[in-house]
Amino acid sequence: MREEAESMGDGEDVERALRGFYEAVKETRRSHAARAGAVAEAGGAFAEEIVEEAERAVGGVFSGEENSGRYLDLHESHMTYANATFGERCDYSEYLERCGNFAETPRSKKFCAAYTDYLDALLAYLRSFHERAIPLQFVHKALAQDAEEFERRWKKGECPGWEDGGVRAVDEKTLESSAVDLSAFKSLKDMEKALDVDAIKSALGSLGLKAGGTPEQRAERLWSVKGKKLSDIDRKLFAKGVVLGSASSTSKKKKSQNGEDGDAKVKAENRARAIAFKESQCALVLKLLGKQLDATRTNVEKKSTLSLAELQAEAEEDDDFSDAETDEDEEIYNPLKLPLGWDGKPIPYWLYKLHGLNMEYTCEICGNYSYWGRRAFERHFTEWRHQHGMRCLKIPYTKAFNEVTSIADAAALHKNLSQRELGTFNVKLDAEVEDAQGNVYNKKTYEDLQRQGLL
């Protein structure tokens, strides 16, 4: 108010006061002209609209397989890898184990457009997932730093699978030191009879020739270089990344051929360097997403051991759990600190003991995991954790392994069952007897318990 009074003067300078007033009017009209037709909505409706837009945005960030950023969705990359020439047939869990081991892929299969497209698609998805799941860790800075480190590793030959710079030189000595002596065979048929498929393939690799195609095509390709010099062999027969040495004697021809080989070597190095750089970038982002990748492997292994009914029940439990998480007003009132039952609500202590929830059962096969109560202990034999432990021990799970929690006991029982003759029936061991309470034992155990007065 004091500033307004000072701007209008002491009342004697009327022109100054009117000038300030009309300037304020112009500023107000200019502000409203920029928002012509805008009508202010009610505060509650505006807030609800903002919340709905935020929910729609969050719901569209992650797919159902990604589960709000907990797991990776690499199914598309898996299908590309399984159906490509550079990959091999494998299930999704195996692909998750090897997706970051690029050095295992043969180098001869990497120099193709399909492998480059595969790396580009994999890197694009991993970057997108990292930006959505971990937005406060800037992945582009880590990739820029890795690019600098890659230049140093490439110069020193420390890149896995690319220690030689991605270029292999083949000269006359290489042809002489071949893994197979072709002069020992008189015809192509004699060579095919004497050498198996693996021997021919290794011989092609030692000479730097292409090793693809059918066994007949490989044999013909190897036989075509018999007795030839390096300059006489068709360059199309050599694999990508192979540079030929000089075979000319004249200085002028030697100079021109060295120039051609030099250009081919530079092109091969650049092509190999580009592929190795993309592999390094993908490996870095996979390392940054190590927790999500491990969680994805665990989740896939867990789902592989569950039936359809168990998967549906687990999905319902996840929905109930998410609803309980979002409901902040619902709190369990437990002033006496009573023990919790199956539904997570307090129950009387006598009922707690009646259900046996105070009894701890430890299973060594599950990694010494503790189960509280007889009911949970009996159910865990058909759950994913126990099934995974049995698979790690290479023991097929059957009902005979119920109540077996020790690794030594499970191995001994598996050995005993394996040594039994097929088609035989031992009355004392295989005959089942039921007591008055409905518990099933074999005849020998039933007689021992009845003799001790426990039944």
Protein backbone atom coordinates (compact mmCIF):
# COMPACT_ATOMS: atom_id res chain seq x y z
CA MET A 1 0.00 0.00 0.00
CA ARG A 2 2.90 2.30 0.79
CA GLU A 3 4.45 1.56 -2.61
CA GLU A 4 1.14 2.31 -4.38
CA ALA A 5 0.88 5.63 -2.55
CA GLU A 6 4.42 6.58 -3.46
CA SER A 7 3.86 5.68 -7.13
CA MET A 8 0.84 8.08 -7.26
CA GLY A 9 2.79 10.91 -5.66
CA ASP A 10 1.60 13.19 -2.93
CA GLY A 11 -1.72 13.97 -4.72
CA GLU A 12 -0.58 17.18 -6.34
CA ASP A 13 0.93 15.53 -9.48
CA VAL A 14 -2.30 14.25 -11.04
CA GLU A 15 -0.74 13.41 -14.40
CA ARG A 16 1.83 11.13 -12.76
CA ALA A 17 -0.90 9.28 -10.82
CA LEU A 18 -3.05 8.78 -13.94
CA ARG A 19 -0.06 7.63 -15.96
CA GLY A 20 0.73 4.91 -13.40
CA PHE A 21 -2.92 3.87 -13.23
CA TYR A 22 -3.30 3.41 -17.01
CA GLU A 23 -0.01 1.50 -17.23
CA ALA A 24 -1.33 -0.95 -14.64
CA VAL A 25 -4.59 -1.28 -16.65
CA LYS A 26 -2.65 -2.03 -19.85
CA GLU A 27 -0.56 -4.67 -18.07
CA THR A 28 -3.71 -6.34 -16.71
CA ARG A 29 -5.43 -6.36 -20.12
CA ARG A 30 -2.28 -7.76 -21.75
CA SER A 31 -2.18 -10.58 -19.22
CA HIS A 32 -5.84 -11.52 -19.73
CA ALA A 33 -5.57 -11.31 -23.55
CA ALA A 34 -2.96 -14.11 -23.48
CA ARG A 35 -5.50 -16.37 -21.72
CA ALA A 36 -8.68 -15.40 -23.51
CA GLY A 37 -11.65 -17.68 -22.74
CA ALA A 38 -9.90 -19.46 -19.86
CA VAL A 39 -12.22 -20.34 -17.01
CA ALA A 40 -10.94 -21.37 -13.61
CA GLU A 41 -12.22 -24.76 -12.48
CA ALA A 42 -13.00 -25.91 -8.98
CA GLY A 43 -9.97 -26.83 -6.92
CA GLY A 44 -11.11 -30.41 -6.22
CA ALA A 45 -11.84 -31.24 -9.86
CA PHE A 46 -8.49 -29.81 -10.94
CA ALA A 47 -6.64 -31.92 -8.37
CA GLU A 48 -8.49 -35.10 -9.44
CA GLU A 49 -7.56 -34.45 -13.07
CA ILE A 50 -3.88 -34.08 -12.14
CA VAL A 51 -3.97 -37.34 -10.17
CA GLU A 52 -5.62 -39.23 -13.05
CA GLU A 53 -3.03 -37.97 -15.52
CA ALA A 54 -0.23 -39.04 -13.18
CA GLU A 55 -1.74 -42.51 -12.77
CA ARG A 56 -2.09 -42.93 -16.52
CA ALA A 57 1.53 -41.85 -17.01
CA VAL A 58 2.87 -44.26 -14.37
CA GLY A 59 0.76 -47.13 -15.68
CA GLY A 60 2.22 -46.71 -19.16
CA VAL A 61 5.86 -46.61 -18.07
CA PHE A 62 6.30 -50.36 -17.43
CA SER A 63 4.82 -53.41 -19.09
CA GLY A 64 3.18 -56.23 -17.18
CA GLU A 65 6.26 -58.44 -17.52
CA GLU A 66 8.48 -55.72 -16.03
CA ASN A 67 6.28 -55.53 -12.90
CA SER A 68 6.86 -51.83 -12.16
CA GLY A 69 10.60 -52.04 -12.80
CA ARG A 70 11.36 -55.20 -10.81
CA TYR A 71 12.12 -57.50 -13.75
CA LEU A 72 13.57 -57.20 -17.25
CA ASP A 73 11.51 -58.11 -20.30
CA LEU A 74 14.06 -59.65 -22.68
CA HIS A 75 11.67 -61.98 -24.50
CA GLU A 76 12.08 -60.15 -27.81
CA SER A 77 15.88 -60.31 -27.61
CA HIS A 78 15.63 -63.98 -26.65
CA MET A 79 13.55 -64.78 -29.71
CA THR A 80 16.02 -62.93 -31.94
CA TYR A 81 18.97 -64.78 -30.40
CA ALA A 82 17.30 -68.20 -30.59
CA ASN A 83 16.37 -67.84 -34.27
CA ALA A 84 19.54 -66.13 -35.55
CA THR A 85 22.63 -67.71 -37.06
CA PHE A 86 24.88 -66.21 -34.39
CA GLY A 87 22.78 -67.67 -31.55
CA GLU A 88 21.38 -71.07 -30.66
CA ARG A 89 18.17 -72.63 -29.44
CA CYS A 90 17.70 -72.17 -25.69
CA ASP A 91 14.92 -71.42 -23.27
CA TYR A 92 14.41 -68.05 -21.62
CA SER A 93 16.17 -68.91 -18.36
CA GLU A 94 19.30 -70.09 -20.21
CA TYR A 95 19.31 -66.91 -22.28
CA LEU A 96 19.24 -64.79 -19.13
CA GLU A 97 22.38 -66.62 -17.97
CA ARG A 98 24.32 -66.04 -21.19
CA CYS A 99 22.92 -62.73 -22.50
CA GLY A 100 25.95 -60.80 -21.17
CA ASN A 101 28.62 -63.33 -22.26
CA PHE A 102 29.30 -61.98 -25.73
CA ALA A 103 32.73 -63.64 -25.89
CA GLU A 104 31.08 -67.08 -26.13
CA THR A 105 29.62 -66.24 -29.56
CA PRO A 106 32.06 -67.26 -32.32
CA ARG A 107 33.68 -64.24 -33.91
CA SER A 108 32.99 -65.51 -37.42
CA LYS A 109 29.25 -65.15 -36.76
CA LYS A 110 29.47 -61.58 -35.46
CA PHE A 111 30.30 -59.89 -38.76
CA CYS A 112 26.73 -59.75 -39.99
CA ALA A 113 24.00 -57.14 -40.00
CA ALA A 114 21.70 -59.34 -37.89
CA TYR A 115 24.16 -59.37 -34.98
CA THR A 116 24.60 -55.59 -35.16
CA ASP A 117 20.83 -55.06 -35.17
CA TYR A 118 20.52 -57.45 -32.21
CA LEU A 119 23.06 -55.45 -30.18
CA ASP A 120 21.39 -52.14 -31.11
CA ALA A 121 17.94 -53.39 -30.05
CA LEU A 122 19.30 -54.88 -26.81
CA LEU A 123 21.16 -51.70 -25.88
CA ALA A 124 18.15 -49.51 -26.69
CA TYR A 125 15.87 -51.56 -24.44
CA LEU A 126 18.39 -51.71 -21.59
CA ARG A 127 18.91 -47.94 -21.70
CA SER A 128 15.17 -47.33 -21.79
CA PHE A 129 14.55 -49.67 -18.85
CA HIS A 130 17.37 -48.10 -16.82
CA GLU A 131 16.02 -44.60 -17.41
CA ARG A 132 12.53 -45.70 -16.34
CA ALA A 133 13.47 -47.94 -13.39
CA ILE A 134 16.45 -45.97 -11.98
CA PRO A 135 15.91 -42.39 -13.18
CA LEU A 136 18.30 -40.82 -10.64
CA GLN A 137 21.29 -42.77 -12.00
CA PHE A 138 22.17 -41.19 -15.32
CA VAL A 139 23.09 -44.04 -17.62
CA HIS A 140 24.37 -41.78 -20.41
CA LYS A 141 27.20 -40.57 -18.17
CA ALA A 142 28.23 -44.14 -17.40
CA LEU A 143 28.15 -45.01 -21.11
CA ALA A 144 30.27 -41.96 -21.98
CA GLN A 145 32.83 -42.97 -19.37
CA ASP A 146 32.82 -46.56 -20.66
CA ALA A 147 33.47 -45.25 -24.19
CA GLU A 148 36.67 -43.60 -22.97
CA GLU A 149 37.71 -46.75 -21.12
CA PHE A 150 36.94 -48.82 -24.22
CA GLU A 151 39.44 -46.82 -26.28
CA ARG A 152 42.15 -47.61 -23.75
CA ARG A 153 41.23 -51.31 -23.54
CA TRP A 154 41.06 -51.63 -27.33
CA LYS A 155 44.54 -50.18 -27.80
CA LYS A 156 45.98 -52.48 -25.14
CA GLY A 157 44.09 -55.55 -26.46
CA GLU A 158 42.11 -56.09 -23.24
CA CYS A 159 38.64 -56.45 -24.79
CA PRO A 160 37.34 -60.02 -24.24
CA GLY A 161 37.28 -61.92 -27.51
CA TRP A 162 38.98 -59.10 -29.43
CA GLU A 163 42.53 -59.28 -28.05
CA ASP A 164 44.01 -59.30 -31.56
CA GLY A 165 42.05 -56.26 -32.68
CA GLY A 166 39.54 -58.35 -34.61
CA VAL A 167 41.95 -58.93 -37.49
CA ARG A 168 43.60 -62.22 -38.39
CA ALA A 169 46.43 -62.27 -40.94
CA VAL A 170 46.75 -65.24 -43.28
CA ASP A 171 49.92 -65.78 -45.33
CA GLU A 172 51.76 -68.60 -47.11
CA LYS A 173 53.03 -70.01 -43.80
CA THR A 174 49.47 -70.35 -42.62
CA LEU A 175 48.61 -72.48 -45.65
CA GLU A 176 51.65 -74.67 -45.06
CA SER A 177 50.87 -75.16 -41.36
CA SER A 178 47.29 -76.28 -41.92
CA ALA A 179 45.66 -78.70 -39.50
CA VAL A 180 45.07 -81.14 -42.37
CA ASP A 181 47.58 -82.22 -45.04
CA LEU A 182 45.52 -82.14 -48.25
CA SER A 183 48.34 -83.63 -50.33
CA ALA A 184 47.74 -86.98 -48.61
CA PHE A 185 44.39 -87.39 -50.35
CA LYS A 186 43.90 -88.15 -54.05
CA SER A 187 40.26 -87.08 -54.37
CA LEU A 188 37.49 -85.28 -52.56
CA LYS A 189 35.77 -88.56 -51.66
CA ASP A 190 38.94 -89.91 -50.04
CA MET A 191 39.16 -86.79 -47.89
CA GLU A 192 35.50 -87.05 -46.84
CA LYS A 193 35.99 -90.70 -45.85
CA ALA A 194 39.14 -90.01 -43.85
CA LEU A 195 38.01 -86.80 -42.09
CA ASP A 196 34.90 -86.24 -40.04
CA VAL A 197 32.82 -83.06 -39.96
CA ASP A 198 34.66 -81.55 -36.97
CA ALA A 199 38.09 -82.15 -38.53
CA ILE A 200 37.07 -80.40 -41.76
CA LYS A 201 35.58 -77.51 -39.81
CA SER A 202 38.74 -77.07 -37.71
CA ALA A 203 40.87 -77.20 -40.86
CA LEU A 204 38.80 -74.41 -42.43
CA GLY A 205 39.20 -72.35 -39.27
CA SER A 206 42.98 -72.81 -39.22
CA LEU A 207 43.18 -71.56 -42.80
CA GLY A 208 40.88 -68.59 -42.15
CA LEU A 209 38.24 -69.90 -44.55
CA LYS A 210 34.49 -69.73 -44.06
CA ALA A 211 33.18 -72.64 -41.99
CA GLY A 212 29.45 -72.31 -42.75
CA GLY A 213 27.16 -74.31 -44.98
CA THR A 214 26.47 -78.02 -45.26
CA PRO A 215 29.18 -80.68 -44.65
CA GLU A 216 29.46 -81.22 -48.42
CA GLN A 217 29.99 -77.49 -49.03
CA ARG A 218 32.66 -77.35 -46.32
CA ALA A 219 34.52 -80.30 -47.84
CA GLU A 220 34.40 -78.76 -51.33
CA ARG A 221 35.62 -75.41 -49.98
CA LEU A 222 38.56 -77.07 -48.22
CA TRP A 223 39.42 -79.21 -51.27
CA SER A 224 39.36 -76.15 -53.57
CA VAL A 225 42.47 -74.66 -51.91
CA LYS A 226 44.62 -77.77 -52.35
CA GLY A 227 47.95 -76.95 -53.98
CA LYS A 228 47.07 -73.29 -54.52
CA LYS A 229 49.05 -70.26 -53.48
CA LEU A 230 47.54 -67.50 -51.43
CA SER A 231 47.20 -65.20 -54.42
CA ASP A 232 45.32 -67.88 -56.41
CA ILE A 233 42.61 -68.48 -53.81
CA ASP A 234 39.37 -66.60 -54.24
CA ARG A 235 39.03 -63.90 -51.57
CA LYS A 236 35.34 -64.71 -51.19
CA LEU A 237 36.26 -68.03 -49.57
CA PHE A 238 37.92 -66.32 -46.59
CA ALA A 239 35.95 -65.42 -43.48
CA LYS A 240 35.28 -61.85 -42.48
CA GLY A 241 38.01 -60.25 -40.42
CA VAL A 242 40.76 -62.15 -42.26
CA VAL A 243 43.50 -60.15 -44.01
CA LEU A 244 45.63 -61.81 -46.68
CA GLY A 245 49.42 -61.51 -46.73
CA SER A 246 51.56 -60.61 -49.73
CA ALA A 247 52.41 -63.33 -52.22
CA SER A 248 53.91 -61.30 -55.11
CA SER A 249 57.57 -61.11 -55.95
CA THR A 250 57.79 -57.92 -58.03
CA SER A 251 58.21 -54.75 -56.02
CA LYS A 252 55.60 -52.74 -57.91
CA LYS A 253 52.93 -55.41 -57.63
CA LYS A 254 53.96 -56.05 -54.04
CA LYS A 255 53.54 -52.38 -53.20
CA SER A 256 50.07 -52.18 -54.71
CA GLN A 257 48.97 -55.42 -53.06
CA ASN A 258 50.26 -54.25 -49.67
CA GLY A 259 48.22 -51.10 -50.11
CA GLU A 260 45.10 -53.12 -50.82
CA ASP A 261 45.76 -55.37 -47.84
CA GLY A 262 46.36 -52.31 -45.67
CA ASP A 263 43.01 -50.84 -46.63
CA ALA A 264 41.31 -54.20 -45.98
CA LYS A 265 43.00 -54.42 -42.59
CA VAL A 266 41.81 -50.93 -41.60
CA LYS A 267 38.26 -51.75 -42.70
CA ALA A 268 38.32 -55.04 -40.79
CA GLU A 269 39.63 -53.32 -37.65
CA ASN A 270 36.99 -50.60 -37.83
CA ARG A 271 34.22 -53.15 -38.34
CA ALA A 272 35.47 -55.28 -35.42
CA ARG A 273 35.93 -52.21 -33.21
CA ALA A 274 32.34 -51.07 -33.81
CA ILE A 275 30.96 -54.48 -32.83
CA ALA A 276 33.20 -54.73 -29.76
CA PHE A 277 32.14 -51.23 -28.67
CA LYS A 278 28.45 -52.16 -28.79
CA GLU A 279 29.15 -55.32 -26.82
CA SER A 280 30.97 -53.28 -24.18
CA GLN A 281 28.07 -50.84 -23.89
CA CYS A 282 25.51 -53.66 -23.49
CA ALA A 283 27.68 -55.41 -20.90
CA LEU A 284 27.97 -52.18 -18.88
CA VAL A 285 24.20 -51.57 -18.73
CA LEU A 286 23.61 -55.24 -17.84
CA LYS A 287 26.09 -54.81 -15.00
CA LEU A 288 24.26 -51.71 -13.76
CA LEU A 289 21.00 -53.69 -13.87
CA GLY A 290 22.51 -56.69 -12.08
CA LYS A 291 19.88 -56.76 -9.31
CA GLN A 292 17.01 -56.64 -11.78
CA LEU A 293 18.64 -59.36 -13.92
CA ASP A 294 19.12 -61.66 -10.91
CA ALA A 295 15.54 -61.03 -9.82
CA THR A 296 14.34 -61.88 -13.34
CA ARG A 297 16.24 -65.19 -13.31
CA THR A 298 14.78 -66.10 -9.91
CA ASN A 299 11.28 -65.18 -11.01
CA VAL A 300 11.53 -67.24 -14.21
CA GLU A 301 12.84 -70.28 -12.30
CA LYS A 302 10.06 -69.89 -9.76
CA LYS A 303 7.34 -69.71 -12.41
CA SER A 304 8.70 -72.77 -14.18
CA THR A 305 7.97 -74.94 -11.11
CA LEU A 306 4.43 -73.68 -10.45
CA SER A 307 1.24 -75.04 -11.90
CA LEU A 308 -1.45 -72.88 -13.49
CA ALA A 309 -3.56 -72.88 -10.32
CA GLU A 310 -0.56 -71.86 -8.21
CA LEU A 311 0.31 -69.07 -10.64
CA GLN A 312 -3.25 -67.74 -10.46
CA ALA A 313 -3.23 -67.93 -6.67
CA GLU A 314 0.09 -66.09 -6.54
CA ALA A 315 -1.24 -63.37 -8.85
CA GLU A 316 -4.24 -62.91 -6.54
CA GLU A 317 -1.92 -62.70 -3.53
CA ASP A 318 0.17 -60.07 -5.30
CA ASP A 319 -2.98 -58.04 -6.00
CA ASP A 320 -4.05 -58.30 -2.37
CA PHE A 321 -0.56 -57.32 -1.25
CA SER A 322 -0.47 -54.29 -3.54
CA ASP A 323 -3.90 -53.21 -2.33
CA ALA A 324 -2.74 -53.54 1.25
CA GLU A 325 0.31 -51.44 0.46
CA THR A 326 -1.70 -48.64 -1.06
CA ASP A 327 -4.18 -48.59 1.82
CA GLU A 328 -2.30 -46.49 4.34
CA ASP A 329 -5.29 -45.98 6.62
CA GLU A 330 -5.64 -49.70 7.43
CA GLU A 331 -3.45 -50.60 10.42
CA ILE A 332 -3.52 -53.73 12.57
CA TYR A 333 -4.46 -52.85 16.13
CA ASN A 334 -2.42 -55.15 18.37
CA PRO A 335 -1.74 -53.46 21.73
CA LEU A 336 -1.12 -56.77 23.56
CA LYS A 337 1.40 -57.85 20.90
CA LEU A 338 -0.39 -61.12 20.30
CA PRO A 339 1.07 -63.54 17.71
CA LEU A 340 -0.18 -63.25 14.13
CA GLY A 341 -2.08 -65.98 12.32
CA TRP A 342 -2.21 -67.07 8.68
CA ASP A 343 -4.04 -63.91 7.60
CA GLY A 344 -1.64 -61.57 9.39
CA LYS A 345 -4.13 -60.66 12.12
CA PRO A 346 -3.66 -61.24 15.87
CA ILE A 347 -4.94 -64.51 17.32
CA PRO A 348 -4.95 -65.83 20.91
CA TYR A 349 -1.79 -67.50 22.07
CA TRP A 350 -3.53 -70.83 22.74
CA LEU A 351 -4.75 -70.89 19.13
CA TYR A 352 -1.26 -69.89 18.01
CA LYS A 353 0.16 -72.95 19.77
CA LEU A 354 -2.70 -75.16 18.60
CA HIS A 355 -1.79 -74.48 14.97
CA GLY A 356 1.86 -75.10 15.83
CA LEU A 357 2.99 -71.67 14.67
CA ASN A 358 5.57 -71.59 17.46
CA MET A 359 7.32 -74.68 16.02
CA GLU A 360 10.22 -74.02 13.66
CA TYR A 361 11.06 -76.48 10.87
CA THR A 362 14.33 -76.06 8.99
CA CYS A 363 14.95 -77.56 5.55
CA GLU A 364 18.56 -78.02 4.47
CA ILE A 365 17.54 -78.60 0.85
CA CYS A 366 15.94 -75.12 0.81
CA GLY A 367 19.18 -73.55 2.06
CA ASN A 368 18.34 -73.91 5.80
CA TYR A 369 15.16 -71.91 5.28
CA SER A 370 12.83 -71.86 8.32
CA TYR A 371 9.12 -72.71 8.16
CA TRP A 372 6.85 -71.91 11.10
CA GLY A 373 4.07 -74.37 11.71
CA ARG A 374 3.38 -77.87 10.44
CA ARG A 375 1.08 -76.66 7.71
CA ALA A 376 3.67 -74.39 6.11
CA PHE A 377 6.28 -77.13 6.45
CA GLU A 378 4.16 -79.70 4.64
CA ARG A 379 3.20 -77.27 1.89
CA HIS A 380 6.76 -76.23 1.12
CA PHE A 381 7.65 -79.61 -0.43
CA THR A 382 5.59 -78.69 -3.50
CA GLU A 383 6.70 -75.05 -3.64
CA TRP A 384 9.34 -73.57 -5.91
CA ARG A 385 12.13 -73.20 -3.34
CA HIS A 386 12.21 -76.89 -2.42
CA GLN A 387 11.76 -77.94 -6.05
CA HIS A 388 14.68 -75.73 -7.07
CA GLY A 389 16.85 -77.26 -4.35
CA MET A 390 16.00 -80.77 -5.56
CA ARG A 391 16.93 -79.83 -9.12
CA CYS A 392 20.25 -78.45 -7.90
CA LEU A 393 20.92 -81.84 -6.30
CA LYS A 394 19.94 -83.51 -9.61
CA ILE A 395 17.26 -85.56 -7.85
CA PRO A 396 13.81 -85.90 -9.47
CA TYR A 397 11.15 -85.03 -6.95
CA THR A 398 8.50 -87.62 -6.08
CA LYS A 399 6.22 -88.23 -3.13
CA ALA A 400 8.82 -90.57 -1.70
CA PHE A 401 10.91 -87.52 -0.78
CA ASN A 402 8.22 -85.93 1.40
CA GLU A 403 9.41 -85.16 4.94
CA VAL A 404 13.05 -85.45 3.74
CA THR A 405 14.87 -82.19 4.58
CA SER A 406 18.50 -83.33 4.76
CA ILE A 407 20.70 -83.36 1.69
CA ALA A 408 22.44 -86.55 2.82
CA ASP A 409 19.12 -88.32 3.43
CA ALA A 410 17.77 -87.24 0.04
CA ALA A 411 20.92 -88.48 -1.73
CA ALA A 412 20.81 -91.80 0.14
CA LEU A 413 17.12 -92.29 -0.63
CA HIS A 414 17.69 -91.45 -4.31
CA LYS A 415 20.54 -93.96 -4.45
CA ASN A 416 18.40 -96.62 -2.78
CA LEU A 417 15.50 -96.05 -5.15
CA SER A 418 17.83 -96.12 -8.15
CA GLN A 419 19.33 -99.46 -7.11
CA ARG A 420 15.97 -101.20 -6.83
CA GLU A 421 15.13 -103.56 -9.61
CA LEU A 422 12.33 -102.52 -11.90
CA GLY A 423 9.11 -104.51 -11.61
CA THR A 424 9.82 -105.91 -8.11
CA PHE A 425 7.57 -105.29 -5.13
CA ASN A 426 8.84 -105.53 -1.55
CA VAL A 427 5.92 -106.02 0.79
CA LYS A 428 7.63 -104.52 3.85
CA LEU A 429 8.93 -101.46 1.99
CA ASP A 430 6.34 -100.86 -0.75
CA ALA A 431 3.04 -101.90 0.86
CA GLU A 432 1.14 -98.89 2.27
CA VAL A 433 -0.78 -99.08 5.54
CA GLU A 434 -3.13 -96.42 6.92
CA ASP A 435 -3.73 -95.78 10.63
CA ALA A 436 -6.94 -94.64 12.30
CA GLN A 437 -6.11 -90.95 11.74
CA GLY A 438 -5.55 -91.40 8.03
CA ASN A 439 -1.72 -91.23 8.06
CA VAL A 440 -0.10 -93.50 5.45
CA TYR A 441 3.04 -95.52 6.25
CA ASN A 442 4.78 -98.45 4.69
CA LYS A 443 4.18 -101.77 6.40
CA LYS A 444 7.55 -101.92 8.15
CA THR A 445 7.21 -98.43 9.65
CA TYR A 446 3.61 -99.16 10.72
CA GLU A 447 4.63 -102.34 12.52
CA ASP A 448 7.55 -100.59 14.26
CA LEU A 449 5.32 -97.75 15.48
CA GLN A 450 2.60 -100.17 16.57
CA ARG A 451 5.18 -102.26 18.43
CA GLN A 452 6.35 -99.15 20.29
CA GLY A 453 2.81 -98.22 21.21
CA LEU A 454 2.82 -94.96 19.26
CA LEU A 455 -0.27 -95.83 17.20
